[in-house]
Amino acid sequence: MTSITAHQNHLSSAESRRQLEESTARALDRYRSEFEALRANTARLRSEREAREAESPLKLPKGRKAIKQI
């Protein structure tokens, strides 16, 4: 049986750094795409809500809260 040296067993520091940078770049890309999807969905929902509010007449709240707001 041959022994494996530490150099053969582990990646070089340059290779480790390269892999870390690639992994970080992929994670950042994924984060950005998820953030943009969330932003687009929020904008869509906001425009739908505003359209519903524009179509329906103003509704006043009922009960004790209505008295406090007036």
PDB file of N, CA and C in Angstrom:
ATOM      1  N   MET A   1       0.836  -1.165   0.000  1.00  0.00           N
ATOM      2  CA  MET A   1       0.000   0.000   0.000  1.00  0.00           C
ATOM      3  C   MET A   1       0.887   1.235   0.000  1.00  0.00           C
ATOM      4  N   THR A   2       0.554   2.190  -0.862  1.00  0.00           N
ATOM      5  CA  THR A   2       1.347   3.409  -0.922  1.00  0.00           C
ATOM      6  C   THR A   2       0.689   4.480  -0.063  1.00  0.00           C
ATOM      7  N   SER A   3       1.503   5.322   0.509  1.00  0.00           N
ATOM      8  CA  SER A   3       0.948   6.398   1.329  1.00  0.00           C
ATOM      9  C   SER A   3       0.653   7.603   0.446  1.00  0.00           C
ATOM     10  N   ILE A   4      -0.392   8.313   0.827  1.00  0.00           N
ATOM     11  CA  ILE A   4      -0.782   9.510   0.085  1.00  0.00           C
ATOM     12  C   ILE A   4      -0.228  10.706   0.850  1.00  0.00           C
ATOM     13  N   THR A   5       0.485  11.535   0.149  1.00  0.00           N
ATOM     14  CA  THR A   5       1.043  12.713   0.804  1.00  0.00           C
ATOM     15  C   THR A   5      -0.043  13.762   0.997  1.00  0.00           C
ATOM     16  N   ALA A   6       0.207  14.694   1.870  1.00  0.00           N
ATOM     17  CA  ALA A   6      -0.754  15.756   2.142  1.00  0.00           C
ATOM     18  C   ALA A   6      -1.019  16.567   0.889  1.00  0.00           C
ATOM     19  N   HIS A   7      -0.007  16.752   0.076  1.00  0.00           N
ATOM     20  CA  HIS A   7      -0.160  17.528  -1.147  1.00  0.00           C
ATOM     21  C   HIS A   7      -1.097  16.819  -2.126  1.00  0.00           C
ATOM     22  N   GLN A   8      -1.014  15.525  -2.218  1.00  0.00           N
ATOM     23  CA  GLN A   8      -1.864  14.778  -3.127  1.00  0.00           C
ATOM     24  C   GLN A   8      -3.289  14.692  -2.601  1.00  0.00           C
ATOM     25  N   ASN A   9      -3.458  14.683  -1.301  1.00  0.00           N
ATOM     26  CA  ASN A   9      -4.770  14.498  -0.695  1.00  0.00           C
ATOM     27  C   ASN A   9      -5.604  15.774  -0.719  1.00  0.00           C
ATOM     28  N   HIS A  10      -4.984  16.914  -0.621  1.00  0.00           N
ATOM     29  CA  HIS A  10      -5.706  18.176  -0.540  1.00  0.00           C
ATOM     30  C   HIS A  10      -5.493  19.007  -1.799  1.00  0.00           C
ATOM     31  N   LEU A  11      -6.467  19.832  -2.060  1.00  0.00           N
ATOM     32  CA  LEU A  11      -6.335  20.738  -3.197  1.00  0.00           C
ATOM     33  C   LEU A  11      -5.345  21.837  -2.861  1.00  0.00           C
ATOM     34  N   SER A  12      -4.745  22.373  -3.864  1.00  0.00           N
ATOM     35  CA  SER A  12      -3.846  23.492  -3.632  1.00  0.00           C
ATOM     36  C   SER A  12      -4.660  24.691  -3.163  1.00  0.00           C
ATOM     37  N   SER A  13      -4.017  25.635  -2.529  1.00  0.00           N
ATOM     38  CA  SER A  13      -4.734  26.805  -2.039  1.00  0.00           C
ATOM     39  C   SER A  13      -5.319  27.612  -3.193  1.00  0.00           C
ATOM     40  N   ALA A  14      -4.643  27.653  -4.309  1.00  0.00           N
ATOM     41  CA  ALA A  14      -5.157  28.374  -5.475  1.00  0.00           C
ATOM     42  C   ALA A  14      -6.421  27.691  -6.012  1.00  0.00           C
ATOM     43  N   GLU A  15      -6.407  26.366  -6.041  1.00  0.00           N
ATOM     44  CA  GLU A  15      -7.574  25.615  -6.508  1.00  0.00           C
ATOM     45  C   GLU A  15      -8.734  25.785  -5.530  1.00  0.00           C
ATOM     46  N   SER A  16      -8.439  25.738  -4.259  1.00  0.00           N
ATOM     47  CA  SER A  16      -9.480  25.941  -3.240  1.00  0.00           C
ATOM     48  C   SER A  16     -10.085  27.328  -3.365  1.00  0.00           C
ATOM     49  N   ARG A  17      -9.254  28.323  -3.557  1.00  0.00           N
ATOM     50  CA  ARG A  17      -9.718  29.700  -3.710  1.00  0.00           C
ATOM     51  C   ARG A  17     -10.586  29.828  -4.955  1.00  0.00           C
ATOM     52  N   ARG A  18     -10.175  29.202  -6.049  1.00  0.00           N
ATOM     53  CA  ARG A  18     -10.944  29.258  -7.293  1.00  0.00           C
ATOM     54  C   ARG A  18     -12.321  28.629  -7.096  1.00  0.00           C
ATOM     55  N   GLN A  19     -12.354  27.467  -6.428  1.00  0.00           N
ATOM     56  CA  GLN A  19     -13.629  26.802  -6.180  1.00  0.00           C
ATOM     57  C   GLN A  19     -14.535  27.646  -5.281  1.00  0.00           C
ATOM     58  N   LEU A  20     -13.953  28.282  -4.282  1.00  0.00           N
ATOM     59  CA  LEU A  20     -14.727  29.139  -3.396  1.00  0.00           C
ATOM     60  C   LEU A  20     -15.294  30.333  -4.152  1.00  0.00           C
ATOM     61  N   GLU A  21     -14.499  30.927  -5.016  1.00  0.00           N
ATOM     62  CA  GLU A  21     -14.971  32.068  -5.804  1.00  0.00           C
ATOM     63  C   GLU A  21     -16.098  31.660  -6.740  1.00  0.00           C
ATOM     64  N   GLU A  22     -15.980  30.494  -7.365  1.00  0.00           N
ATOM     65  CA  GLU A  22     -17.034  30.005  -8.254  1.00  0.00           C
ATOM     66  C   GLU A  22     -18.310  29.734  -7.472  1.00  0.00           C
ATOM     67  N   SER A  23     -18.159  29.107  -6.322  1.00  0.00           N
ATOM     68  CA  SER A  23     -19.318  28.808  -5.492  1.00  0.00           C
ATOM     69  C   SER A  23     -19.997  30.092  -5.029  1.00  0.00           C
ATOM     70  N   THR A  24     -19.218  31.067  -4.637  1.00  0.00           N
ATOM     71  CA  THR A  24     -19.754  32.348  -4.197  1.00  0.00           C
ATOM     72  C   THR A  24     -20.474  33.052  -5.338  1.00  0.00           C
ATOM     73  N   ALA A  25     -19.896  33.007  -6.524  1.00  0.00           N
ATOM     74  CA  ALA A  25     -20.516  33.643  -7.685  1.00  0.00           C
ATOM     75  C   ALA A  25     -21.854  32.981  -8.020  1.00  0.00           C
ATOM     76  N   ARG A  26     -21.901  31.641  -7.962  1.00  0.00           N
ATOM     77  CA  ARG A  26     -23.161  30.932  -8.224  1.00  0.00           C
ATOM     78  C   ARG A  26     -24.215  31.293  -7.174  1.00  0.00           C
ATOM     79  N   ALA A  27     -23.821  31.344  -5.914  1.00  0.00           N
ATOM     80  CA  ALA A  27     -24.756  31.685  -4.848  1.00  0.00           C
ATOM     81  C   ALA A  27     -25.276  33.107  -5.018  1.00  0.00           C
ATOM     82  N   LEU A  28     -24.405  34.035  -5.389  1.00  0.00           N
ATOM     83  CA  LEU A  28     -24.816  35.418  -5.587  1.00  0.00           C
ATOM     84  C   LEU A  28     -25.762  35.540  -6.779  1.00  0.00           C
ATOM     85  N   ASP A  29     -25.493  34.824  -7.848  1.00  0.00           N
ATOM     86  CA  ASP A  29     -26.386  34.826  -9.007  1.00  0.00           C
ATOM     87  C   ASP A  29     -27.759  34.283  -8.634  1.00  0.00           C
ATOM     88  N   ARG A  30     -27.771  33.200  -7.868  1.00  0.00           N
ATOM     89  CA  ARG A  30     -29.033  32.603  -7.432  1.00  0.00           C
ATOM     90  C   ARG A  30     -29.795  33.587  -6.534  1.00  0.00           C
ATOM     91  N   TYR A  31     -29.096  34.242  -5.617  1.00  0.00           N
ATOM     92  CA  TYR A  31     -29.718  35.229  -4.733  1.00  0.00           C
ATOM     93  C   TYR A  31     -30.329  36.370  -5.540  1.00  0.00           C
ATOM     94  N   ARG A  32     -29.574  36.871  -6.516  1.00  0.00           N
ATOM     95  CA  ARG A  32     -30.075  37.975  -7.333  1.00  0.00           C
ATOM     96  C   ARG A  32     -31.301  37.574  -8.140  1.00  0.00           C
ATOM     97  N   SER A  33     -31.290  36.378  -8.724  1.00  0.00           N
ATOM     98  CA  SER A  33     -32.433  35.955  -9.527  1.00  0.00           C
ATOM     99  C   SER A  33     -33.663  35.741  -8.653  1.00  0.00           C
ATOM    100  N   GLU A  34     -33.486  35.193  -7.444  1.00  0.00           N
ATOM    101  CA  GLU A  34     -34.613  35.025  -6.530  1.00  0.00           C
ATOM    102  C   GLU A  34     -35.142  36.375  -6.071  1.00  0.00           C
ATOM    103  N   PHE A  35     -34.247  37.339  -5.835  1.00  0.00           N
ATOM    104  CA  PHE A  35     -34.659  38.669  -5.423  1.00  0.00           C
ATOM    105  C   PHE A  35     -35.457  39.345  -6.530  1.00  0.00           C
ATOM    106  N   GLU A  36     -35.008  39.228  -7.769  1.00  0.00           N
ATOM    107  CA  GLU A  36     -35.726  39.837  -8.889  1.00  0.00           C
ATOM    108  C   GLU A  36     -37.093  39.180  -9.084  1.00  0.00           C
ATOM    109  N   ALA A  37     -37.175  37.868  -8.897  1.00  0.00           N
ATOM    110  CA  ALA A  37     -38.462  37.180  -9.016  1.00  0.00           C
ATOM    111  C   ALA A  37     -39.413  37.667  -7.924  1.00  0.00           C
ATOM    112  N   LEU A  38     -38.913  37.828  -6.722  1.00  0.00           N
ATOM    113  CA  LEU A  38     -39.731  38.336  -5.626  1.00  0.00           C
ATOM    114  C   LEU A  38     -40.193  39.759  -5.912  1.00  0.00           C
ATOM    115  N   ARG A  39     -39.305  40.590  -6.412  1.00  0.00           N
ATOM    116  CA  ARG A  39     -39.653  41.975  -6.739  1.00  0.00           C
ATOM    117  C   ARG A  39     -40.731  42.014  -7.822  1.00  0.00           C
ATOM    118  N   ALA A  40     -40.605  41.175  -8.839  1.00  0.00           N
ATOM    119  CA  ALA A  40     -41.595  41.144  -9.919  1.00  0.00           C
ATOM    120  C   ALA A  40     -42.948  40.674  -9.396  1.00  0.00           C
ATOM    121  N   ASN A  41     -42.947  39.661  -8.539  1.00  0.00           N
ATOM    122  CA  ASN A  41     -44.194  39.157  -7.977  1.00  0.00           C
ATOM    123  C   ASN A  41     -44.859  40.216  -7.100  1.00  0.00           C
ATOM    124  N   THR A  42     -44.069  40.919  -6.298  1.00  0.00           N
ATOM    125  CA  THR A  42     -44.609  41.979  -5.452  1.00  0.00           C
ATOM    126  C   THR A  42     -45.228  43.081  -6.291  1.00  0.00           C
ATOM    127  N   ALA A  43     -44.568  43.459  -7.366  1.00  0.00           N
ATOM    128  CA  ALA A  43     -45.101  44.495  -8.258  1.00  0.00           C
ATOM    129  C   ALA A  43     -46.401  44.033  -8.907  1.00  0.00           C
ATOM    130  N   ARG A  44     -46.446  42.774  -9.310  1.00  0.00           N
ATOM    131  CA  ARG A  44     -47.670  42.226  -9.919  1.00  0.00           C
ATOM    132  C   ARG A  44     -48.818  42.253  -8.919  1.00  0.00           C
ATOM    133  N   LEU A  45     -48.565  41.785  -7.710  1.00  0.00           N
ATOM    134  CA  LEU A  45     -49.610  41.768  -6.690  1.00  0.00           C
ATOM    135  C   LEU A  45     -50.068  43.180  -6.333  1.00  0.00           C
ATOM    136  N   ARG A  46     -49.133  44.122  -6.262  1.00  0.00           N
ATOM    137  CA  ARG A  46     -49.490  45.506  -5.953  1.00  0.00           C
ATOM    138  C   ARG A  46     -50.399  46.082  -7.038  1.00  0.00           C
ATOM    139  N   SER A  47     -50.057  45.833  -8.299  1.00  0.00           N
ATOM    140  CA  SER A  47     -50.874  46.384  -9.388  1.00  0.00           C
ATOM    141  C   SER A  47     -52.261  45.734  -9.399  1.00  0.00           C
ATOM    142  N   GLU A  48     -52.344  44.446  -9.080  1.00  0.00           N
ATOM    143  CA  GLU A  48     -53.653  43.787  -8.995  1.00  0.00           C
ATOM    144  C   GLU A  48     -54.490  44.384  -7.869  1.00  0.00           C
ATOM    145  N   ARG A  49     -53.866  44.630  -6.714  1.00  0.00           N
ATOM    146  CA  ARG A  49     -54.577  45.207  -5.580  1.00  0.00           C
ATOM    147  C   ARG A  49     -55.045  46.617  -5.911  1.00  0.00           C
ATOM    148  N   GLU A  50     -54.184  47.413  -6.525  1.00  0.00           N
ATOM    149  CA  GLU A  50     -54.562  48.772  -6.883  1.00  0.00           C
ATOM    150  C   GLU A  50     -55.698  48.788  -7.907  1.00  0.00           C
ATOM    151  N   ALA A  51     -55.697  47.830  -8.824  1.00  0.00           N
ATOM    152  CA  ALA A  51     -56.778  47.740  -9.810  1.00  0.00           C
ATOM    153  C   ALA A  51     -58.094  47.380  -9.123  1.00  0.00           C
ATOM    154  N   ARG A  52     -58.052  46.440  -8.175  1.00  0.00           N
ATOM    155  CA  ARG A  52     -59.260  46.077  -7.429  1.00  0.00           C
ATOM    156  C   ARG A  52     -59.776  47.275  -6.642  1.00  0.00           C
ATOM    157  N   GLU A  53     -58.870  48.005  -5.996  1.00  0.00           N
ATOM    158  CA  GLU A  53     -59.273  49.163  -5.200  1.00  0.00           C
ATOM    159  C   GLU A  53     -59.861  50.262  -6.079  1.00  0.00           C
ATOM    160  N   ALA A  54     -59.354  50.418  -7.278  1.00  0.00           N
ATOM    161  CA  ALA A  54     -59.862  51.443  -8.184  1.00  0.00           C
ATOM    162  C   ALA A  54     -61.261  51.085  -8.682  1.00  0.00           C
ATOM    163  N   GLU A  55     -61.564  49.810  -8.822  1.00  0.00           N
ATOM    164  CA  GLU A  55     -62.867  49.363  -9.313  1.00  0.00           C
ATOM    165  C   GLU A  55     -63.944  49.455  -8.248  1.00  0.00           C
ATOM    166  N   SER A  56     -63.623  49.148  -7.020  1.00  0.00           N
ATOM    167  CA  SER A  56     -64.636  49.102  -5.972  1.00  0.00           C
ATOM    168  C   SER A  56     -64.738  50.446  -5.274  1.00  0.00           C
ATOM    169  N   PRO A  57     -65.947  50.765  -4.790  1.00  0.00           N
ATOM    170  CA  PRO A  57     -66.108  52.032  -4.063  1.00  0.00           C
ATOM    171  C   PRO A  57     -65.395  51.963  -2.710  1.00  0.00           C
ATOM    172  N   LEU A  58     -65.154  53.110  -2.154  1.00  0.00           N
ATOM    173  CA  LEU A  58     -64.482  53.199  -0.868  1.00  0.00           C
ATOM    174  C   LEU A  58     -65.373  52.586   0.202  1.00  0.00           C
ATOM    175  N   LYS A  59     -64.838  51.657   0.958  1.00  0.00           N
ATOM    176  CA  LYS A  59     -65.598  51.011   2.019  1.00  0.00           C
ATOM    177  C   LYS A  59     -65.077  51.522   3.351  1.00  0.00           C
ATOM    178  N   LEU A  60     -65.984  52.007   4.175  1.00  0.00           N
ATOM    179  CA  LEU A  60     -65.601  52.475   5.496  1.00  0.00           C
ATOM    180  C   LEU A  60     -65.593  51.304   6.463  1.00  0.00           C
ATOM    181  N   PRO A  61     -64.662  51.274   7.375  1.00  0.00           N
ATOM    182  CA  PRO A  61     -64.642  50.208   8.364  1.00  0.00           C
ATOM    183  C   PRO A  61     -65.842  50.317   9.295  1.00  0.00           C
ATOM    184  N   LYS A  62     -66.258  49.181   9.830  1.00  0.00           N
ATOM    185  CA  LYS A  62     -67.417  49.137  10.713  1.00  0.00           C
ATOM    186  C   LYS A  62     -66.956  48.869  12.138  1.00  0.00           C
ATOM    187  N   GLY A  63     -67.795  49.223  13.076  1.00  0.00           N
ATOM    188  CA  GLY A  63     -67.505  48.901  14.461  1.00  0.00           C
ATOM    189  C   GLY A  63     -66.760  50.000  15.175  1.00  0.00           C
ATOM    190  N   ARG A  64     -66.125  49.644  16.273  1.00  0.00           N
ATOM    191  CA  ARG A  64     -65.425  50.608  17.126  1.00  0.00           C
ATOM    192  C   ARG A  64     -64.276  51.285  16.404  1.00  0.00           C
ATOM    193  N   LYS A  65     -63.598  50.552  15.546  1.00  0.00           N
ATOM    194  CA  LYS A  65     -62.466  51.131  14.831  1.00  0.00           C
ATOM    195  C   LYS A  65     -62.929  52.262  13.915  1.00  0.00           C
ATOM    196  N   ALA A  66     -64.129  52.142  13.345  1.00  0.00           N
ATOM    197  CA  ALA A  66     -64.654  53.178  12.467  1.00  0.00           C
ATOM    198  C   ALA A  66     -64.866  54.481  13.230  1.00  0.00           C
ATOM    199  N   ILE A  67     -65.348  54.376  14.442  1.00  0.00           N
ATOM    200  CA  ILE A  67     -65.577  55.561  15.256  1.00  0.00           C
ATOM    201  C   ILE A  67     -64.268  56.258  15.573  1.00  0.00           C
ATOM    202  N   LYS A  68     -63.248  55.492  15.897  1.00  0.00           N
ATOM    203  CA  LYS A  68     -61.947  56.070  16.235  1.00  0.00           C
ATOM    204  C   LYS A  68     -61.304  56.744  15.028  1.00  0.00           C
ATOM    205  N   GLN A  69     -61.532  56.208  13.844  1.00  0.00           N
ATOM    206  CA  GLN A  69     -60.892  56.744  12.647  1.00  0.00           C
ATOM    207  C   GLN A  69     -61.562  58.010  12.151  1.00  0.00           C
ATOM    208  N   ILE A  70     -62.824  58.210  12.485  1.00  0.00           N
ATOM    209  CA  ILE A  70     -63.574  59.383  11.983  1.00  0.00           C
ATOM    210  C   ILE A  70     -63.238  60.597  12.767  1.00  0.00           C
TER     211      ILE A  70
END
